[in-house]
């Protein structure tokens, strides 16, 4: 059985929540919650409100996802 593919979206961080979670407004008009991926935590990449990010969402739960990239 194959592993499920993730859906990638781009958006902008609206609000920083506790424990490395963020509220993100996606480019398609939806809003979701995201948390920092493991490598972003390991290398201490900072994310602030207003930053553009790439987020991976599971096709089963579109309400929260994993932030995998922060644009400059």
N, C-alpha and C. Protein backbone atom coordinates (compact mmCIF):
# COMPACT_ATOMS: atom_id res chain seq x y z
N UNK A 1 0.84 -1.18 0.00
CA UNK A 1 0.00 0.00 0.00
C UNK A 1 0.89 1.25 0.00
N UNK A 2 0.63 2.16 -0.89
CA UNK A 2 1.46 3.35 -1.04
C UNK A 2 1.14 4.38 0.05
N UNK A 3 2.14 5.16 0.36
CA UNK A 3 1.98 6.23 1.34
C UNK A 3 1.18 7.36 0.71
N UNK A 4 0.32 8.01 1.50
CA UNK A 4 -0.50 9.10 0.98
C UNK A 4 0.37 10.32 0.65
N UNK A 5 0.06 10.94 -0.44
CA UNK A 5 0.78 12.14 -0.86
C UNK A 5 0.26 13.35 -0.09
N UNK A 6 1.15 14.25 0.24
CA UNK A 6 0.79 15.49 0.92
C UNK A 6 0.41 16.55 -0.11
N UNK A 7 -0.45 17.44 0.30
CA UNK A 7 -0.86 18.57 -0.55
C UNK A 7 -0.09 19.79 -0.07
N UNK A 8 0.59 20.48 -0.97
CA UNK A 8 1.38 21.65 -0.60
C UNK A 8 0.65 22.93 -0.99
N UNK A 9 0.64 23.88 -0.06
CA UNK A 9 0.06 25.20 -0.28
C UNK A 9 1.05 26.25 0.17
N UNK A 10 0.87 27.46 -0.31
CA UNK A 10 1.64 28.60 0.18
C UNK A 10 0.68 29.56 0.85
N UNK A 11 1.20 30.27 1.83
CA UNK A 11 0.36 31.21 2.55
C UNK A 11 1.19 32.17 3.37
N UNK A 12 0.49 32.95 4.20
CA UNK A 12 1.13 33.96 5.03
C UNK A 12 0.74 33.73 6.48
N UNK A 13 1.74 33.82 7.36
CA UNK A 13 1.50 33.63 8.78
C UNK A 13 0.74 34.84 9.32
N UNK A 14 -0.39 34.57 9.97
CA UNK A 14 -1.21 35.64 10.55
C UNK A 14 -0.86 35.87 12.01
N UNK A 15 -0.74 34.75 12.75
CA UNK A 15 -0.58 34.85 14.19
C UNK A 15 0.31 33.72 14.68
N UNK A 16 1.16 34.01 15.66
CA UNK A 16 2.01 33.00 16.29
C UNK A 16 1.30 32.52 17.56
N UNK A 17 1.06 31.21 17.63
CA UNK A 17 0.44 30.61 18.80
C UNK A 17 1.51 29.95 19.65
N UNK A 18 1.12 29.24 20.70
CA UNK A 18 2.11 28.62 21.59
C UNK A 18 2.67 27.34 20.99
N UNK A 19 3.83 26.92 21.50
CA UNK A 19 4.50 25.66 21.15
C UNK A 19 4.81 25.51 19.66
N UNK A 20 5.23 26.57 19.01
CA UNK A 20 5.63 26.47 17.61
C UNK A 20 4.49 26.27 16.65
N UNK A 21 3.29 26.69 17.02
CA UNK A 21 2.14 26.61 16.12
C UNK A 21 1.81 28.00 15.61
N UNK A 22 1.21 28.03 14.42
CA UNK A 22 0.92 29.30 13.77
C UNK A 22 -0.43 29.22 13.07
N UNK A 23 -1.11 30.36 12.97
CA UNK A 23 -2.33 30.46 12.18
C UNK A 23 -1.91 31.03 10.83
N UNK A 24 -2.32 30.36 9.74
CA UNK A 24 -1.84 30.69 8.40
C UNK A 24 -3.02 30.94 7.47
N UNK A 25 -2.96 32.03 6.72
CA UNK A 25 -3.94 32.33 5.67
C UNK A 25 -3.36 31.83 4.36
N UNK A 26 -4.02 30.83 3.77
CA UNK A 26 -3.54 30.27 2.51
C UNK A 26 -3.89 31.18 1.35
N UNK A 27 -3.19 31.00 0.23
CA UNK A 27 -3.42 31.83 -0.95
C UNK A 27 -4.79 31.59 -1.57
N UNK A 28 -5.39 30.42 -1.32
CA UNK A 28 -6.69 30.13 -1.91
C UNK A 28 -7.84 30.67 -1.06
N UNK A 29 -7.54 31.41 0.01
CA UNK A 29 -8.58 32.05 0.81
C UNK A 29 -8.93 31.32 2.09
N UNK A 30 -8.45 30.12 2.29
CA UNK A 30 -8.75 29.37 3.49
C UNK A 30 -7.75 29.70 4.59
N UNK A 31 -8.10 29.32 5.81
CA UNK A 31 -7.24 29.55 6.95
C UNK A 31 -6.99 28.22 7.64
N UNK A 32 -5.75 27.98 8.07
CA UNK A 32 -5.40 26.71 8.68
C UNK A 32 -4.39 26.94 9.80
N UNK A 33 -4.12 25.89 10.54
CA UNK A 33 -3.14 25.95 11.61
C UNK A 33 -1.94 25.11 11.21
N UNK A 34 -0.74 25.60 11.49
CA UNK A 34 0.46 24.87 11.11
C UNK A 34 1.46 24.82 12.24
N UNK A 35 2.31 23.80 12.21
CA UNK A 35 3.38 23.68 13.19
C UNK A 35 4.69 23.53 12.43
N UNK A 36 5.78 23.86 13.09
CA UNK A 36 7.08 23.82 12.42
C UNK A 36 7.54 22.38 12.26
N UNK A 37 8.14 22.08 11.12
CA UNK A 37 8.67 20.75 10.84
C UNK A 37 9.92 20.51 11.69
N UNK A 38 10.32 19.27 11.80
CA UNK A 38 11.43 18.89 12.65
C UNK A 38 12.75 19.56 12.29
N UNK A 39 13.07 19.63 10.99
CA UNK A 39 14.34 20.25 10.59
C UNK A 39 14.32 21.75 10.86
N UNK A 40 13.14 22.38 10.78
CA UNK A 40 13.06 23.81 11.06
C UNK A 40 13.28 24.06 12.55
N UNK A 41 12.81 23.14 13.39
CA UNK A 41 13.08 23.26 14.82
C UNK A 41 14.55 22.99 15.11
N UNK A 42 15.10 21.99 14.45
CA UNK A 42 16.49 21.60 14.70
C UNK A 42 17.46 22.73 14.37
N UNK A 43 17.24 23.40 13.25
CA UNK A 43 18.12 24.49 12.84
C UNK A 43 17.64 25.86 13.29
N UNK A 44 16.63 25.88 14.16
CA UNK A 44 16.11 27.09 14.80
C UNK A 44 15.74 28.18 13.79
N UNK A 45 14.99 27.80 12.77
CA UNK A 45 14.52 28.77 11.79
C UNK A 45 13.32 29.51 12.37
N UNK A 46 13.44 30.81 12.47
CA UNK A 46 12.40 31.63 13.10
C UNK A 46 11.30 31.94 12.10
N UNK A 47 10.07 31.94 12.58
CA UNK A 47 8.92 32.31 11.76
C UNK A 47 8.16 33.39 12.52
N UNK A 48 7.90 34.49 11.85
CA UNK A 48 7.20 35.62 12.46
C UNK A 48 5.92 35.91 11.68
N UNK A 49 4.94 36.55 12.32
CA UNK A 49 3.75 36.95 11.57
C UNK A 49 4.13 37.85 10.39
N UNK A 50 3.54 37.56 9.24
CA UNK A 50 3.87 38.29 8.02
C UNK A 50 4.77 37.51 7.09
N UNK A 51 5.41 36.45 7.56
CA UNK A 51 6.29 35.63 6.73
C UNK A 51 5.48 34.77 5.76
N UNK A 52 6.04 34.56 4.57
CA UNK A 52 5.45 33.64 3.58
C UNK A 52 6.02 32.26 3.84
N UNK A 53 5.15 31.24 3.86
CA UNK A 53 5.59 29.87 4.16
C UNK A 53 4.95 28.90 3.19
N UNK A 54 5.58 27.71 3.09
CA UNK A 54 5.01 26.59 2.35
C UNK A 54 4.58 25.57 3.39
N UNK A 55 3.34 25.07 3.26
CA UNK A 55 2.78 24.16 4.25
C UNK A 55 2.30 22.89 3.58
N UNK A 56 2.53 21.75 4.21
CA UNK A 56 2.07 20.45 3.72
C UNK A 56 0.83 20.05 4.51
N UNK A 57 -0.23 19.70 3.81
CA UNK A 57 -1.46 19.26 4.45
C UNK A 57 -1.77 17.83 4.04
N UNK A 58 -2.34 17.08 4.94
CA UNK A 58 -2.80 15.74 4.64
C UNK A 58 -4.16 15.83 3.95
N UNK A 59 -4.44 14.96 2.99
CA UNK A 59 -5.76 15.01 2.35
C UNK A 59 -6.90 14.66 3.31
N UNK A 60 -6.59 14.06 4.45
CA UNK A 60 -7.61 13.67 5.41
C UNK A 60 -7.96 14.79 6.38
N UNK A 61 -6.99 15.66 6.70
CA UNK A 61 -7.22 16.73 7.66
C UNK A 61 -6.64 18.03 7.11
N UNK A 62 -7.51 18.86 6.55
CA UNK A 62 -7.06 20.12 5.96
C UNK A 62 -7.03 21.26 6.97
N UNK A 63 -7.34 20.97 8.23
CA UNK A 63 -7.39 22.02 9.26
C UNK A 63 -6.02 22.31 9.84
N UNK A 64 -5.06 21.38 9.74
CA UNK A 64 -3.72 21.64 10.26
C UNK A 64 -2.68 20.93 9.41
N UNK A 65 -1.50 21.51 9.41
CA UNK A 65 -0.44 20.97 8.57
C UNK A 65 0.93 21.28 9.13
N UNK A 66 1.94 20.97 8.32
CA UNK A 66 3.33 21.11 8.74
C UNK A 66 4.02 22.15 7.88
N UNK A 67 4.62 23.13 8.51
CA UNK A 67 5.36 24.18 7.79
C UNK A 67 6.72 23.61 7.41
N UNK A 68 7.01 23.56 6.10
CA UNK A 68 8.24 22.94 5.64
C UNK A 68 9.24 23.93 5.05
N UNK A 69 8.82 25.16 4.75
CA UNK A 69 9.74 26.11 4.14
C UNK A 69 9.28 27.53 4.45
N UNK A 70 10.24 28.42 4.77
CA UNK A 70 9.95 29.84 4.96
C UNK A 70 10.66 30.61 3.87
N UNK A 71 9.90 31.40 3.12
CA UNK A 71 10.48 32.21 2.05
C UNK A 71 11.13 33.45 2.66
N UNK A 72 12.16 33.97 1.97
CA UNK A 72 12.87 35.14 2.45
C UNK A 72 12.10 36.41 2.24
